[in-house]
Amino acid sequence: MTHNKYLTLSAVAAATFLLWKLLPKNSDKSNLPPLVKGSLPFLGHLLQLQHNPREFIQHAKDKYGPCFRLKLPGQGTLVVVTGELIPEVMKATKDFNFPKGVENLVPTSRIVELSYGHKFIPEKISPRAKNPVTYPIKHNFKEHQIDIFSKRIQTALKRGIGEVLSIPKGEKRTVNMLETLSYVVSCISCPCFAVSHIGHDKEFIKGMAAFTRKIIRAGIALTLLPGWLGRFLLRSYFSVEHEMDLIMTRLVPELEKVRAGAEIEPTFATMSLNVPKEDGTLRPVADVAYHFKDIALASIHTTSHFATLSLHELACRPELMQALRDELKTLHGDLTPENVATLTLMDSFLREVFRCNADYLGLHHLTMRDTLLSSGHIVPEGAMVVLALDQAHHDPTYIQSADLNTFDPYRFTKENISLKSTTIGLNHLSFGIGAHACPGRYFAVNEIKYMIAELITRYDA
């Protein structure tokens, strides 16, 4: 073939591709998930969701099927999946990306980059490498492995309670429970995830306790405001530079000692030190310290959130609180995280807390390519998919139990539905399922149970 013919064929191919890009695509939207009627300008379906979210989502499922679309301010059009479509989405990791969905909702990486990029930028993590955040948790925080943290948890909890809940006998005090428990959880998490002796560093513990709240506020500024204004407000008022400084200045020197051969108690950070890159070499110590932010964000806020919800459920049920105290007495004073973890009613109660307090719409996933669901609907590339968690938790198809709209702390003590609080599935989605099931759930659940045990033993209400 002559040179001119090559040029001609190349020109034809280029022109064909250009025309394909410019011509309008198939406008048939009949295979898209149906849009729920009643959307208002600017507000979308917000008012209907706020009025009675459970009823609204169930009605939409009954009318439109297992997959439908909603509009919400600040989030645009969302594809909602229910029931059996939930594991379909969560297991199709090449089609639906959970980390990118979360980043789209709360742009954590962007926030940290804008706050701290002038001081430090880590190497990018190859998608083919072992992830330095998730790999240590998946392989070292299983149910039979977390007893190594028992003494640290006990010591840290007593210290944290002593600092923020030191109430003389006979006195009463009103506290912001979420903020209080965030600090207590940070007291526990830091010596288990950072370095063991950091439990005495109040500035570090306080900074990690506030980290997620600051990230969420910064995320609102970035996602809802024009780009330049959001960036200005973030750098001026919502920066997490101080928190990142705490992480880098505290952890880097300690991890350098470990890299040089010093022996300290194992933590998430020391485990992450030994997770190799794609080429087999180890990451720089500063990179390992930098990635601690991700475990701080994932662990402290979620654990304190569910611990607060648990105490809320107990506060209005004094008879349940007494039943839990009676169960704790069977331990004969040997109150340790691993012993409390064996208690049947405590476990059933916590699973019911998870069941009744799941997000109505959560676990955001970004669609990476046009994807056909088993329902026959096509979810277009770029669409944000959310899962109807609460609806699944109240669906008798997945939980064969009476009156699912009632909080029953004894529900999972019954033989026909005896399920542990860490056993995941369509009847327990708070920790996810599939490839993105939370690997730290065993540690978190033991931590919450032990906190509840100590608090209801020490205080009346």
Foldseek 3Di string as FASTA:
>chain_A
DDPVVVVVVVVVVVVVVVCVVPDDDDPDQPQAQAEDPDQDPQAWCVVVCVVPVLVVVVVCCVVRNQWHWTQHHLAGIAIEGEDPCQVVQVAPCVFWPLVVQVCLQQVLVVQQCLQPVVPDDFDDADPPFDDLQQVCLLVQQDQVRPVLLFVLLVVLLVVLCCVQPVDPPPDDDDDDQLLSQLLSLLLSQCCAAANVPCSVVSVLSNLLSCVQVLSNVLRCLCRNDPNVRSSVCSNVPSHSNVNLCSLQVPRLVVQVVVVVPDDGRDHSLVSSQCRAGPVRHGGRSSNSSNCSSVVSNPASNVLSVLLVLLVVVCVVPLVLLVVLLVQVCVVVPPQILVVLLPGQLLFLQSLLSQLQPADQWDSKIAGQAFDATPVSHTDHHGHIYTYRLNNLLQDCVNPVDPDSVDRDSCGLVDPVRPDGSLDDDSNGDNQHDHPRRNSNVSVSSSSSSSSSNVVSVVDVD
